[in-house]
């Protein structure tokens, strides 16, 4: 499988498939394809997997695109200005990502639900208890809003982050929520009451334009009855 990520503000990933190769995406995730690439909708992972995806914001059904003969192409586009991250998923290094981050993956990669283990993170982490987890082995594509920043955290090294900016992280990174210190900071800093804390070792990817922040800005300019 070959692929090209192109574009700057609204990037596109063009995937080239040989006969017998395939990848899957959520329902409605494909932008365009060649005629020799077939579509097959299914409840991948059974009923439990489908319900889990529903809670993460993904569709109940997933669609597999397979090349039937020769060489075919299928393309996926970002839903908003942002970046596409291509990752090689391996059995010893699953990836945890925010809800709605999943774009497409090879069939050997499994998309499942990941529940945050800390009660505080579940209630105040911006994404609730439910995140997404990619396991198995193969190529996966994730999409994030705004610019993407990568940090490689060492053992014991940590970052405090507005929860909405957390894009994805390796499974070796611990995720928790810490209350903002000081009453004045809680009330007037504009950062809310809590910050996400990611502690290494492992790689962290942060997005620069959380959807909830963009929606809040746009809401100010929406006409009101």
C-alpha atoms as a PDB file:
ATOM      1  CA  UNK A   1       0.000   0.000   0.000  1.00  0.00           C
ATOM      2  CA  UNK A   2       1.339   3.400  -1.036  1.00  0.00           C
ATOM      3  CA  UNK A   3      -0.089   6.761  -0.001  1.00  0.00           C
ATOM      4  CA  UNK A   4       0.451  10.497  -0.369  1.00  0.00           C
ATOM      5  CA  UNK A   5      -0.666  13.230   2.015  1.00  0.00           C
ATOM      6  CA  UNK A   6      -1.112  16.504   0.170  1.00  0.00           C
ATOM      7  CA  UNK A   7      -2.589  19.913   0.792  1.00  0.00           C
ATOM      8  CA  UNK A   8      -1.944  22.399   3.559  1.00  0.00           C
ATOM      9  CA  UNK A   9      -5.124  23.830   5.088  1.00  0.00           C
ATOM     10  CA  UNK A  10      -7.510  20.977   4.185  1.00  0.00           C
ATOM     11  CA  UNK A  11      -5.179  18.007   3.580  1.00  0.00           C
ATOM     12  CA  UNK A  12      -6.055  14.876   1.635  1.00  0.00           C
ATOM     13  CA  UNK A  13      -4.571  11.392   1.823  1.00  0.00           C
ATOM     14  CA  UNK A  14      -4.547   9.482  -1.470  1.00  0.00           C
ATOM     15  CA  UNK A  15      -4.078   5.736  -0.918  1.00  0.00           C
ATOM     16  CA  UNK A  16      -2.932   3.444  -3.725  1.00  0.00           C
ATOM     17  CA  UNK A  17      -4.123  -0.137  -3.345  1.00  0.00           C
ATOM     18  CA  UNK A  18      -2.993  -3.190  -5.258  1.00  0.00           C
ATOM     19  CA  UNK A  19      -5.341  -6.101  -5.975  1.00  0.00           C
ATOM     20  CA  UNK A  20      -6.286  -7.719  -2.650  1.00  0.00           C
ATOM     21  CA  UNK A  21      -5.233  -4.763  -0.495  1.00  0.00           C
ATOM     22  CA  UNK A  22      -7.828  -2.903   1.559  1.00  0.00           C
ATOM     23  CA  UNK A  23      -8.436  -0.439   4.356  1.00  0.00           C
ATOM     24  CA  UNK A  24     -11.490   0.663   6.312  1.00  0.00           C
ATOM     25  CA  UNK A  25     -12.989   3.921   7.483  1.00  0.00           C
ATOM     26  CA  UNK A  26     -16.104   5.165   9.245  1.00  0.00           C
ATOM     27  CA  UNK A  27     -19.337   5.511   7.306  1.00  0.00           C
ATOM     28  CA  UNK A  28     -19.149   8.550   5.041  1.00  0.00           C
ATOM     29  CA  UNK A  29     -15.380   8.871   5.442  1.00  0.00           C
ATOM     30  CA  UNK A  30     -14.411   8.310   1.804  1.00  0.00           C
ATOM     31  CA  UNK A  31     -14.107  11.305  -0.540  1.00  0.00           C
ATOM     32  CA  UNK A  32     -13.490   9.616  -3.928  1.00  0.00           C
ATOM     33  CA  UNK A  33     -12.163   6.380  -5.380  1.00  0.00           C
ATOM     34  CA  UNK A  34     -11.408   4.571  -8.623  1.00  0.00           C
ATOM     35  CA  UNK A  35     -14.049   2.173 -10.051  1.00  0.00           C
ATOM     36  CA  UNK A  36     -11.956  -0.940  -9.300  1.00  0.00           C
ATOM     37  CA  UNK A  37     -12.151  -0.281  -5.540  1.00  0.00           C
ATOM     38  CA  UNK A  38     -15.160  -2.012  -3.983  1.00  0.00           C
ATOM     39  CA  UNK A  39     -17.129  -0.991  -0.881  1.00  0.00           C
ATOM     40  CA  UNK A  40     -18.373  -3.293   1.878  1.00  0.00           C
ATOM     41  CA  UNK A  41     -20.222  -1.944   4.946  1.00  0.00           C
ATOM     42  CA  UNK A  42     -20.171  -4.031   8.119  1.00  0.00           C
ATOM     43  CA  UNK A  43     -20.452  -3.864  11.890  1.00  0.00           C
ATOM     44  CA  UNK A  44     -16.778  -4.455  12.480  1.00  0.00           C
ATOM     45  CA  UNK A  45     -16.083  -5.837  15.947  1.00  0.00           C
ATOM     46  CA  UNK A  46     -19.657  -6.995  16.475  1.00  0.00           C
ATOM     47  CA  UNK A  47     -22.425  -5.218  18.356  1.00  0.00           C
ATOM     48  CA  UNK A  48     -20.144  -4.339  21.276  1.00  0.00           C
ATOM     49  CA  UNK A  49     -17.625  -2.703  18.985  1.00  0.00           C
ATOM     50  CA  UNK A  50     -20.341  -0.791  17.134  1.00  0.00           C
ATOM     51  CA  UNK A  51     -21.849   0.595  20.344  1.00  0.00           C
ATOM     52  CA  UNK A  52     -18.408   1.569  21.585  1.00  0.00           C
ATOM     53  CA  UNK A  53     -17.749   3.497  18.374  1.00  0.00           C
ATOM     54  CA  UNK A  54     -21.079   5.261  18.751  1.00  0.00           C
ATOM     55  CA  UNK A  55     -20.001   6.592  22.152  1.00  0.00           C
ATOM     56  CA  UNK A  56     -16.710   7.851  20.702  1.00  0.00           C
ATOM     57  CA  UNK A  57     -18.530   9.774  17.990  1.00  0.00           C
ATOM     58  CA  UNK A  58     -17.836   7.327  15.153  1.00  0.00           C
ATOM     59  CA  UNK A  59     -20.470   5.564  13.049  1.00  0.00           C
ATOM     60  CA  UNK A  60     -22.016   2.202  13.909  1.00  0.00           C
ATOM     61  CA  UNK A  61     -20.975   0.815  10.537  1.00  0.00           C
ATOM     62  CA  UNK A  62     -17.478   0.809   9.094  1.00  0.00           C
ATOM     63  CA  UNK A  63     -16.782   0.592   5.376  1.00  0.00           C
ATOM     64  CA  UNK A  64     -13.981  -1.496   3.867  1.00  0.00           C
ATOM     65  CA  UNK A  65     -12.502  -0.401   0.541  1.00  0.00           C
ATOM     66  CA  UNK A  66     -10.727  -3.179  -1.365  1.00  0.00           C
ATOM     67  CA  UNK A  67      -8.986  -3.161  -4.735  1.00  0.00           C
ATOM     68  CA  UNK A  68     -10.540  -5.873  -6.930  1.00  0.00           C
ATOM     69  CA  UNK A  69      -7.996  -5.815  -9.772  1.00  0.00           C
ATOM     70  CA  UNK A  70      -4.937  -3.943 -10.952  1.00  0.00           C
ATOM     71  CA  UNK A  71      -4.147  -0.812  -8.981  1.00  0.00           C
ATOM     72  CA  UNK A  72      -6.831   1.363  -7.448  1.00  0.00           C
ATOM     73  CA  UNK A  73      -6.990   4.580  -5.472  1.00  0.00           C
ATOM     74  CA  UNK A  74      -9.168   5.863  -2.646  1.00  0.00           C
ATOM     75  CA  UNK A  75      -8.928   9.297  -1.027  1.00  0.00           C
ATOM     76  CA  UNK A  76      -9.921  10.709   2.358  1.00  0.00           C
ATOM     77  CA  UNK A  77     -10.181  14.394   3.285  1.00  0.00           C
ATOM     78  CA  UNK A  78     -10.051  16.297   6.569  1.00  0.00           C
ATOM     79  CA  UNK A  79     -13.460  17.481   7.738  1.00  0.00           C
ATOM     80  CA  UNK A  80     -12.038  20.852   8.790  1.00  0.00           C
ATOM     81  CA  UNK A  81      -8.727  22.750   8.524  1.00  0.00           C
ATOM     82  CA  UNK A  82      -6.106  20.602  10.164  1.00  0.00           C
ATOM     83  CA  UNK A  83      -3.540  17.863   9.702  1.00  0.00           C
ATOM     84  CA  UNK A  84      -3.428  14.175   8.852  1.00  0.00           C
ATOM     85  CA  UNK A  85      -1.114  12.009  10.954  1.00  0.00           C
ATOM     86  CA  UNK A  86       0.068   8.702   9.496  1.00  0.00           C
ATOM     87  CA  UNK A  87       1.136   6.111  12.058  1.00  0.00           C
ATOM     88  CA  UNK A  88       2.571   2.609  11.989  1.00  0.00           C
ATOM     89  CA  UNK A  89       0.635   0.743  14.672  1.00  0.00           C
ATOM     90  CA  UNK A  90       2.550  -2.140  16.271  1.00  0.00           C
ATOM     91  CA  UNK A  91       1.437  -4.761  18.830  1.00  0.00           C
ATOM     92  CA  UNK A  92       3.781  -3.371  21.482  1.00  0.00           C
ATOM     93  CA  UNK A  93       2.777   0.266  21.024  1.00  0.00           C
ATOM     94  CA  UNK A  94      -0.979   0.979  20.812  1.00  0.00           C
ATOM     95  CA  UNK A  95      -2.042   4.590  20.252  1.00  0.00           C
ATOM     96  CA  UNK A  96      -4.677   6.436  22.292  1.00  0.00           C
ATOM     97  CA  UNK A  97      -6.432   9.306  20.528  1.00  0.00           C
ATOM     98  CA  UNK A  98      -9.254  11.768  20.982  1.00  0.00           C
ATOM     99  CA  UNK A  99     -12.790  11.071  19.856  1.00  0.00           C
ATOM    100  CA  UNK A 100     -13.375  11.633  16.127  1.00  0.00           C
ATOM    101  CA  UNK A 101      -9.644  11.402  15.352  1.00  0.00           C
ATOM    102  CA  UNK A 102      -9.855   8.127  13.415  1.00  0.00           C
ATOM    103  CA  UNK A 103      -9.771   8.514   9.631  1.00  0.00           C
ATOM    104  CA  UNK A 104      -8.800   5.152   8.090  1.00  0.00           C
ATOM    105  CA  UNK A 105      -6.631   2.094   8.728  1.00  0.00           C
ATOM    106  CA  UNK A 106      -5.552  -1.237   7.317  1.00  0.00           C
ATOM    107  CA  UNK A 107      -7.773  -4.184   8.342  1.00  0.00           C
ATOM    108  CA  UNK A 108      -5.017  -5.519  10.627  1.00  0.00           C
ATOM    109  CA  UNK A 109      -5.478  -2.449  12.862  1.00  0.00           C
ATOM    110  CA  UNK A 110      -8.301  -2.607  15.420  1.00  0.00           C
ATOM    111  CA  UNK A 111     -10.281   0.443  16.523  1.00  0.00           C
ATOM    112  CA  UNK A 112     -11.669   0.055  20.040  1.00  0.00           C
ATOM    113  CA  UNK A 113     -12.896   2.144  22.955  1.00  0.00           C
ATOM    114  CA  UNK A 114     -10.443   3.275  25.625  1.00  0.00           C
ATOM    115  CA  UNK A 115     -11.757   4.342  29.020  1.00  0.00           C
ATOM    116  CA  UNK A 116      -9.623   6.743  31.013  1.00  0.00           C
ATOM    117  CA  UNK A 117      -8.620   5.057  34.245  1.00  0.00           C
ATOM    118  CA  UNK A 118      -8.634   8.088  36.501  1.00  0.00           C
ATOM    119  CA  UNK A 119     -11.998   9.336  37.759  1.00  0.00           C
ATOM    120  CA  UNK A 120     -10.874  12.954  37.519  1.00  0.00           C
ATOM    121  CA  UNK A 121      -9.777  12.532  33.919  1.00  0.00           C
ATOM    122  CA  UNK A 122     -13.117  10.965  33.067  1.00  0.00           C
ATOM    123  CA  UNK A 123     -15.212  13.799  34.421  1.00  0.00           C
ATOM    124  CA  UNK A 124     -13.045  16.772  33.522  1.00  0.00           C
ATOM    125  CA  UNK A 125     -10.883  15.678  30.601  1.00  0.00           C
ATOM    126  CA  UNK A 126     -12.896  17.366  27.884  1.00  0.00           C
ATOM    127  CA  UNK A 127     -13.479  14.079  26.068  1.00  0.00           C
ATOM    128  CA  UNK A 128     -15.208  12.335  28.993  1.00  0.00           C
ATOM    129  CA  UNK A 129     -14.354   8.779  29.956  1.00  0.00           C
ATOM    130  CA  UNK A 130     -14.212   7.577  26.367  1.00  0.00           C
ATOM    131  CA  UNK A 131     -11.251   7.841  24.021  1.00  0.00           C
ATOM    132  CA  UNK A 132     -10.222   5.728  21.034  1.00  0.00           C
ATOM    133  CA  UNK A 133      -7.519   3.072  20.944  1.00  0.00           C
ATOM    134  CA  UNK A 134      -5.679   1.659  17.932  1.00  0.00           C
ATOM    135  CA  UNK A 135      -4.081  -1.757  18.360  1.00  0.00           C
ATOM    136  CA  UNK A 136      -2.745  -4.506  16.137  1.00  0.00           C
ATOM    137  CA  UNK A 137      -0.282  -4.000  13.306  1.00  0.00           C
ATOM    138  CA  UNK A 138      -0.481  -1.797  10.228  1.00  0.00           C
ATOM    139  CA  UNK A 139      -0.897   1.721   8.893  1.00  0.00           C
ATOM    140  CA  UNK A 140      -3.475   4.108  10.359  1.00  0.00           C
ATOM    141  CA  UNK A 141      -4.452   7.676   9.539  1.00  0.00           C
ATOM    142  CA  UNK A 142      -5.718  10.176  12.121  1.00  0.00           C
ATOM    143  CA  UNK A 143      -7.018  13.708  11.588  1.00  0.00           C
ATOM    144  CA  UNK A 144      -6.622  16.670  13.924  1.00  0.00           C
ATOM    145  CA  UNK A 145      -7.861  20.250  13.846  1.00  0.00           C
ATOM    146  CA  UNK A 146      -5.363  23.055  13.351  1.00  0.00           C
ATOM    147  CA  UNK A 147      -1.602  22.592  13.442  1.00  0.00           C
ATOM    148  CA  UNK A 148      -0.033  19.487  14.972  1.00  0.00           C
ATOM    149  CA  UNK A 149       2.807  19.586  17.506  1.00  0.00           C
ATOM    150  CA  UNK A 150       4.758  16.494  18.561  1.00  0.00           C
ATOM    151  CA  UNK A 151       6.533  16.076  21.906  1.00  0.00           C
ATOM    152  CA  UNK A 152       8.691  13.149  22.910  1.00  0.00           C
ATOM    153  CA  UNK A 153       8.436  12.989  26.694  1.00  0.00           C
ATOM    154  CA  UNK A 154      11.133  11.328  28.746  1.00  0.00           C
ATOM    155  CA  UNK A 155      10.511   9.204  31.828  1.00  0.00           C
ATOM    156  CA  UNK A 156       8.908  11.462  34.444  1.00  0.00           C
ATOM    157  CA  UNK A 157       8.649  14.445  32.086  1.00  0.00           C
ATOM    158  CA  UNK A 158       5.160  15.913  31.855  1.00  0.00           C
ATOM    159  CA  UNK A 159       3.042  18.568  30.162  1.00  0.00           C
ATOM    160  CA  UNK A 160       0.017  20.424  31.513  1.00  0.00           C
ATOM    161  CA  UNK A 161      -2.448  21.024  28.693  1.00  0.00           C
ATOM    162  CA  UNK A 162      -5.885  22.475  28.158  1.00  0.00           C
ATOM    163  CA  UNK A 163      -7.735  19.152  27.631  1.00  0.00           C
ATOM    164  CA  UNK A 164      -9.155  20.087  24.228  1.00  0.00           C
ATOM    165  CA  UNK A 165      -5.665  20.362  22.749  1.00  0.00           C
ATOM    166  CA  UNK A 166      -4.780  16.719  23.428  1.00  0.00           C
ATOM    167  CA  UNK A 167      -4.754  14.881  20.096  1.00  0.00           C
ATOM    168  CA  UNK A 168      -3.126  11.494  20.658  1.00  0.00           C
ATOM    169  CA  UNK A 169      -0.438   9.778  22.708  1.00  0.00           C
ATOM    170  CA  UNK A 170       1.384   6.477  22.977  1.00  0.00           C
ATOM    171  CA  UNK A 171       0.047   3.979  25.493  1.00  0.00           C
ATOM    172  CA  UNK A 172       3.153   4.423  27.682  1.00  0.00           C
ATOM    173  CA  UNK A 173       2.054   7.994  28.449  1.00  0.00           C
ATOM    174  CA  UNK A 174      -0.144   8.400  31.532  1.00  0.00           C
ATOM    175  CA  UNK A 175      -3.182  10.697  31.327  1.00  0.00           C
ATOM    176  CA  UNK A 176      -4.669  12.518  34.291  1.00  0.00           C
ATOM    177  CA  UNK A 177      -6.379  15.790  35.237  1.00  0.00           C
ATOM    178  CA  UNK A 178      -5.037  18.379  37.660  1.00  0.00           C
ATOM    179  CA  UNK A 179      -6.999  21.269  39.137  1.00  0.00           C
ATOM    180  CA  UNK A 180      -5.772  24.756  38.282  1.00  0.00           C
ATOM    181  CA  UNK A 181      -4.062  26.233  41.351  1.00  0.00           C
ATOM    182  CA  UNK A 182      -5.485  29.359  42.944  1.00  0.00           C
ATOM    183  CA  UNK A 183      -9.032  30.729  43.029  1.00  0.00           C
ATOM    184  CA  UNK A 184      -8.094  33.755  40.886  1.00  0.00           C
ATOM    185  CA  UNK A 185      -6.617  31.499  38.221  1.00  0.00           C
ATOM    186  CA  UNK A 186      -9.721  29.324  38.218  1.00  0.00           C
ATOM    187  CA  UNK A 187     -12.005  32.330  37.771  1.00  0.00           C
ATOM    188  CA  UNK A 188     -10.002  34.674  35.542  1.00  0.00           C
ATOM    189  CA  UNK A 189      -7.310  32.750  33.639  1.00  0.00           C
ATOM    190  CA  UNK A 190      -9.751  31.605  30.968  1.00  0.00           C
ATOM    191  CA  UNK A 191      -8.301  28.082  31.153  1.00  0.00           C
ATOM    192  CA  UNK A 192     -11.193  26.568  33.088  1.00  0.00           C
ATOM    193  CA  UNK A 193     -10.874  24.611  36.314  1.00  0.00           C
ATOM    194  CA  UNK A 194      -8.715  21.723  35.153  1.00  0.00           C
ATOM    195  CA  UNK A 195      -5.688  20.928  33.014  1.00  0.00           C
ATOM    196  CA  UNK A 196      -4.799  17.601  31.444  1.00  0.00           C
ATOM    197  CA  UNK A 197      -1.480  16.140  32.564  1.00  0.00           C
ATOM    198  CA  UNK A 198       0.440  13.851  30.211  1.00  0.00           C
ATOM    199  CA  UNK A 199       3.510  12.185  31.695  1.00  0.00           C
ATOM    200  CA  UNK A 200       6.160  10.241  29.797  1.00  0.00           C
ATOM    201  CA  UNK A 201       7.800   8.241  28.584  1.00  0.00           C
ATOM    202  CA  UNK A 202       6.262   8.372  25.137  1.00  0.00           C
ATOM    203  CA  UNK A 203       5.199  10.571  22.247  1.00  0.00           C
ATOM    204  CA  UNK A 204       2.359  13.085  22.485  1.00  0.00           C
ATOM    205  CA  UNK A 205       0.594  14.865  19.615  1.00  0.00           C
ATOM    206  CA  UNK A 206      -1.247  18.125  20.336  1.00  0.00           C
ATOM    207  CA  UNK A 207      -3.702  19.981  18.096  1.00  0.00           C
ATOM    208  CA  UNK A 208      -3.866  23.773  17.933  1.00  0.00           C
ATOM    209  CA  UNK A 209      -7.586  24.317  17.240  1.00  0.00           C
ATOM    210  CA  UNK A 210      -9.954  22.224  19.380  1.00  0.00           C
ATOM    211  CA  UNK A 211     -13.394  21.972  17.816  1.00  0.00           C
ATOM    212  CA  UNK A 212     -15.131  23.095  20.998  1.00  0.00           C
ATOM    213  CA  UNK A 213     -13.020  26.269  21.083  1.00  0.00           C
ATOM    214  CA  UNK A 214     -13.813  27.040  17.445  1.00  0.00           C
ATOM    215  CA  UNK A 215     -17.514  26.418  18.026  1.00  0.00           C
ATOM    216  CA  UNK A 216     -17.501  28.763  21.027  1.00  0.00           C
ATOM    217  CA  UNK A 217     -15.874  31.531  18.968  1.00  0.00           C
ATOM    218  CA  UNK A 218     -18.307  31.123  16.078  1.00  0.00           C
ATOM    219  CA  UNK A 219     -21.284  31.045  18.441  1.00  0.00           C
ATOM    220  CA  UNK A 220     -20.591  34.654  19.405  1.00  0.00           C
ATOM    221  CA  UNK A 221     -21.285  35.731  15.819  1.00  0.00           C
ATOM    222  CA  UNK A 222     -24.319  33.580  15.144  1.00  0.00           C
ATOM    223  CA  UNK A 223     -27.622  35.443  14.686  1.00  0.00           C
ATOM    224  CA  UNK A 224     -29.985  35.142  17.622  1.00  0.00           C
ATOM    225  CA  UNK A 225     -33.763  35.320  17.552  1.00  0.00           C
END
